[in-house]
């Protein structure tokens, strides 16, 4: 798992948790898989490997540990590497501003390495710093909407970024009426764990290559 935000070193947090809890990564992976329930016989090798990375991301941001603290919060509490206040404040900012959602890729600024993402649940727009997707999958985004991302976002130093890999990418343009329906009926943003299950679990979006299956309780029929 690697961050795309300069100066953010989640490897320190992961190393601390592995020392503190022997078998931490494997235990977290088993818990994650038990909830997501992927069918490994149907998943590609790429998707199976991504589940390991997503499980670790969930484990340090969301998995409750001692006193209900997340792995990052516990690291900040104990500061095992004796890091300065600036570094710890940066980690706390990321914990306090994190959320997961589905986003329509509305525009790509390749030169600035930024994606303009529309949160389909709230209608909010986010400019997200990125150094890989903007150069690869989304070159068509200079011309307008070019795909849908399921992802975990957080903020550091006022800039939004992906703290790890995106959960999934769908190379389709989300219809306007679908965005409207989700804003009106989609409910609250799902948790990272819920999004992973919707994507990789039974009848998940990755398996069917369909956005609609991620929202089994929402009617997307276009009235027109």
Protein backbone atom coordinates (compact mmCIF):
# COMPACT_ATOMS: atom_id res chain seq x y z
CA UNK A 1 0.00 0.00 0.00
CA UNK A 2 1.45 3.34 -1.01
CA UNK A 3 0.25 6.88 -0.58
CA UNK A 4 0.25 9.48 -3.31
CA UNK A 5 0.66 12.34 -0.84
CA UNK A 6 4.24 13.57 -0.41
CA UNK A 7 5.52 13.07 3.11
CA UNK A 8 2.86 10.61 4.19
CA UNK A 9 4.51 7.38 5.34
CA UNK A 10 1.92 4.73 6.14
CA UNK A 11 4.74 2.18 6.12
CA UNK A 12 5.72 3.45 9.58
CA UNK A 13 2.20 2.79 10.85
CA UNK A 14 2.13 -0.68 9.28
CA UNK A 15 5.53 -1.61 10.76
CA UNK A 16 4.39 -0.45 14.19
CA UNK A 17 1.21 -2.52 14.02
CA UNK A 18 3.08 -5.61 12.86
CA UNK A 19 5.43 -5.28 15.85
CA UNK A 20 2.56 -4.64 18.23
CA UNK A 21 0.29 -7.39 16.94
CA UNK A 22 2.12 -10.43 15.51
CA UNK A 23 0.25 -11.64 12.44
CA UNK A 24 -1.56 -8.30 12.18
CA UNK A 25 -1.70 -8.12 8.39
CA UNK A 26 -2.85 -11.72 7.90
CA UNK A 27 -5.47 -11.48 10.64
CA UNK A 28 -6.84 -8.26 9.17
CA UNK A 29 -6.91 -9.83 5.70
CA UNK A 30 -8.92 -12.82 6.97
CA UNK A 31 -11.43 -10.49 8.68
CA UNK A 32 -11.71 -8.38 5.56
CA UNK A 33 -12.26 -11.40 3.30
CA UNK A 34 -14.84 -12.87 5.69
CA UNK A 35 -16.91 -9.70 5.30
CA UNK A 36 -16.38 -9.13 1.57
CA UNK A 37 -16.93 -12.80 0.61
CA UNK A 38 -15.22 -12.73 -2.80
CA UNK A 39 -15.42 -15.69 -5.17
CA UNK A 40 -11.73 -16.23 -5.89
CA UNK A 41 -12.54 -18.68 -8.67
CA UNK A 42 -14.10 -15.82 -10.62
CA UNK A 43 -11.64 -13.03 -9.75
CA UNK A 44 -8.65 -12.13 -11.91
CA UNK A 45 -5.17 -12.33 -10.38
CA UNK A 46 -5.05 -8.53 -10.40
CA UNK A 47 -8.26 -8.24 -8.40
CA UNK A 48 -7.20 -10.96 -5.96
CA UNK A 49 -3.93 -9.12 -5.30
CA UNK A 50 -5.79 -5.85 -4.88
CA UNK A 51 -7.87 -7.37 -2.09
CA UNK A 52 -4.67 -7.80 -0.04
CA UNK A 53 -3.88 -4.10 -0.48
CA UNK A 54 -7.44 -3.00 0.27
CA UNK A 55 -7.50 -5.15 3.41
CA UNK A 56 -4.36 -3.45 4.70
CA UNK A 57 -5.81 -0.02 3.95
CA UNK A 58 -8.96 -0.93 5.88
CA UNK A 59 -6.85 -2.33 8.72
CA UNK A 60 -4.91 0.86 9.41
CA UNK A 61 -7.73 3.36 8.83
CA UNK A 62 -10.90 1.63 10.04
CA UNK A 63 -10.27 -1.60 11.96
CA UNK A 64 -10.89 -0.85 15.68
CA UNK A 65 -8.02 -1.77 17.96
CA UNK A 66 -7.26 -0.90 21.60
CA UNK A 67 -9.77 1.53 23.04
CA UNK A 68 -11.61 1.59 19.73
CA UNK A 69 -8.73 3.46 18.08
CA UNK A 70 -7.72 2.81 14.48
CA UNK A 71 -4.17 1.78 13.67
CA UNK A 72 -3.22 5.31 12.63
CA UNK A 73 -4.80 6.82 15.74
CA UNK A 74 -2.95 4.32 17.94
CA UNK A 75 0.31 5.19 16.21
CA UNK A 76 -0.30 8.90 16.86
CA UNK A 77 -1.21 8.17 20.49
CA UNK A 78 2.00 6.25 21.20
CA UNK A 79 4.34 7.87 18.67
CA UNK A 80 6.74 4.89 18.68
CA UNK A 81 9.15 6.50 16.18
CA UNK A 82 9.28 9.77 18.13
CA UNK A 83 8.04 11.77 15.18
CA UNK A 84 7.46 15.52 15.44
CA UNK A 85 4.09 17.17 15.96
CA UNK A 86 3.90 18.18 12.29
CA UNK A 87 3.99 14.61 11.08
CA UNK A 88 1.49 13.41 13.68
CA UNK A 89 -0.84 16.31 12.87
CA UNK A 90 -0.69 15.30 9.22
CA UNK A 91 -1.72 11.73 10.05
CA UNK A 92 -4.56 12.95 12.28
CA UNK A 93 -5.78 15.22 9.50
CA UNK A 94 -5.97 12.22 7.19
CA UNK A 95 -7.94 10.16 9.71
CA UNK A 96 -10.37 13.00 10.41
CA UNK A 97 -11.06 13.77 6.74
CA UNK A 98 -11.26 10.29 5.24
CA UNK A 99 -14.36 8.88 3.57
CA UNK A 100 -15.25 6.37 0.85
CA UNK A 101 -17.66 6.76 -2.04
CA UNK A 102 -18.31 6.27 -5.73
CA UNK A 103 -17.16 9.08 -7.99
CA UNK A 104 -17.82 10.07 -11.57
CA UNK A 105 -14.60 11.22 -13.25
CA UNK A 106 -15.72 14.55 -14.70
CA UNK A 107 -12.40 15.90 -15.92
CA UNK A 108 -8.68 15.09 -15.94
CA UNK A 109 -5.87 17.63 -15.77
CA UNK A 110 -2.90 15.53 -16.89
CA UNK A 111 -0.36 18.33 -16.58
CA UNK A 112 -1.36 19.04 -12.97
CA UNK A 113 -1.90 15.34 -12.12
CA UNK A 114 -5.41 16.03 -10.87
CA UNK A 115 -8.79 14.38 -11.32
CA UNK A 116 -12.06 16.23 -10.94
CA UNK A 117 -14.36 13.76 -9.16
CA UNK A 118 -18.09 14.10 -8.54
CA UNK A 119 -19.32 12.26 -5.44
CA UNK A 120 -22.44 10.54 -6.78
CA UNK A 121 -24.04 10.35 -3.30
CA UNK A 122 -23.74 14.02 -2.36
CA UNK A 123 -23.10 15.91 -5.58
CA UNK A 124 -19.92 17.40 -4.12
CA UNK A 125 -16.94 17.97 -6.40
CA UNK A 126 -13.36 17.12 -5.40
CA UNK A 127 -10.06 17.89 -7.11
CA UNK A 128 -7.89 14.89 -6.29
CA UNK A 129 -4.11 14.76 -6.61
CA UNK A 130 -3.02 11.69 -8.54
CA UNK A 131 0.15 10.54 -10.30
CA UNK A 132 -0.89 7.31 -11.99
CA UNK A 133 -4.54 7.26 -13.04
CA UNK A 134 -4.31 10.72 -14.57
CA UNK A 135 -1.54 9.54 -16.89
CA UNK A 136 -3.01 6.15 -17.74
CA UNK A 137 -6.68 5.25 -17.65
CA UNK A 138 -8.13 8.70 -17.99
CA UNK A 139 -6.51 10.41 -20.95
CA UNK A 140 -9.96 10.72 -22.50
CA UNK A 141 -10.97 12.78 -19.49
CA UNK A 142 -9.52 15.90 -21.06
CA UNK A 143 -12.60 15.81 -23.26
CA UNK A 144 -15.11 15.34 -20.42
CA UNK A 145 -16.50 12.54 -18.18
CA UNK A 146 -14.62 9.30 -18.79
CA UNK A 147 -15.26 6.75 -16.06
CA UNK A 148 -16.38 5.88 -12.54
CA UNK A 149 -14.13 5.27 -9.54
CA UNK A 150 -14.97 3.52 -6.27
CA UNK A 151 -12.40 4.87 -3.84
CA UNK A 152 -11.25 5.98 -0.42
CA UNK A 153 -10.30 9.67 -0.19
CA UNK A 154 -8.58 11.71 2.45
CA UNK A 155 -6.95 15.10 2.77
CA UNK A 156 -3.45 16.24 3.73
CA UNK A 157 -2.24 19.82 3.73
CA UNK A 158 -5.51 20.88 2.16
CA UNK A 159 -5.13 18.52 -0.84
CA UNK A 160 -7.34 15.49 -1.48
CA UNK A 161 -5.68 12.23 -2.51
CA UNK A 162 -6.11 8.43 -2.62
CA UNK A 163 -4.34 6.96 0.45
CA UNK A 164 -4.01 3.61 -1.33
CA UNK A 165 -5.31 1.89 -4.44
CA UNK A 166 -8.76 2.69 -5.75
CA UNK A 167 -11.30 -0.03 -4.94
CA UNK A 168 -12.41 -0.28 -8.55
CA UNK A 169 -12.59 1.55 -11.86
CA UNK A 170 -15.44 1.24 -14.38
CA UNK A 171 -14.62 2.53 -17.89
CA UNK A 172 -18.15 3.85 -18.41
CA UNK A 173 -19.74 7.27 -18.27
CA UNK A 174 -22.45 7.48 -15.62
CA UNK A 175 -25.70 8.81 -17.06
CA UNK A 176 -27.00 12.08 -15.60
CA UNK A 177 -30.28 10.49 -14.50
CA UNK A 178 -28.31 7.84 -12.58
CA UNK A 179 -26.41 10.56 -10.72
CA UNK A 180 -29.70 12.28 -9.90
CA UNK A 181 -31.26 9.08 -8.59
CA UNK A 182 -28.28 8.36 -6.35
CA UNK A 183 -28.31 11.86 -4.89
CA UNK A 184 -32.01 11.49 -4.11
CA UNK A 185 -32.24 7.81 -3.12
CA UNK A 186 -28.74 6.51 -2.59
CA UNK A 187 -28.70 7.26 1.13
CA UNK A 188 -25.53 7.82 3.12
CA UNK A 189 -22.08 7.05 1.77
CA UNK A 190 -21.17 3.39 2.36
CA UNK A 191 -18.18 2.51 4.50
CA UNK A 192 -14.95 1.34 2.87
CA UNK A 193 -15.80 -2.22 3.90
CA UNK A 194 -19.30 -1.98 2.44
CA UNK A 195 -17.99 -0.61 -0.85
CA UNK A 196 -15.46 -3.43 -1.06
CA UNK A 197 -18.24 -5.98 -0.59
CA UNK A 198 -20.48 -4.27 -3.16
CA UNK A 199 -17.58 -4.39 -5.60
CA UNK A 200 -15.93 -7.78 -4.96
CA UNK A 201 -18.53 -9.72 -2.98
CA UNK A 202 -21.43 -11.91 -4.12
CA UNK A 203 -22.87 -10.48 -7.35
CA UNK A 204 -20.46 -7.57 -6.99
CA UNK A 205 -19.86 -4.90 -9.59
CA UNK A 206 -16.47 -6.24 -10.67
CA UNK A 207 -17.99 -9.63 -11.39
CA UNK A 208 -20.86 -8.31 -13.49
CA UNK A 209 -19.04 -5.24 -14.84
CA UNK A 210 -22.17 -3.29 -13.92
CA UNK A 211 -22.64 -0.20 -11.80
CA UNK A 212 -26.29 -0.92 -11.04
CA UNK A 213 -25.57 -4.09 -9.05
CA UNK A 214 -23.70 -2.00 -6.48
CA UNK A 215 -27.05 -0.45 -5.55
CA UNK A 216 -29.56 -3.33 -5.24
CA UNK A 217 -32.19 -1.16 -3.53
CA UNK A 218 -32.14 1.71 -6.03
CA UNK A 219 -34.33 1.88 -9.16
CA UNK A 220 -32.35 3.44 -12.01
CA UNK A 221 -35.05 3.29 -14.66
CA UNK A 222 -34.91 6.46 -16.74
CA UNK A 223 -38.36 8.10 -16.72
CA UNK A 224 -37.71 9.38 -20.24
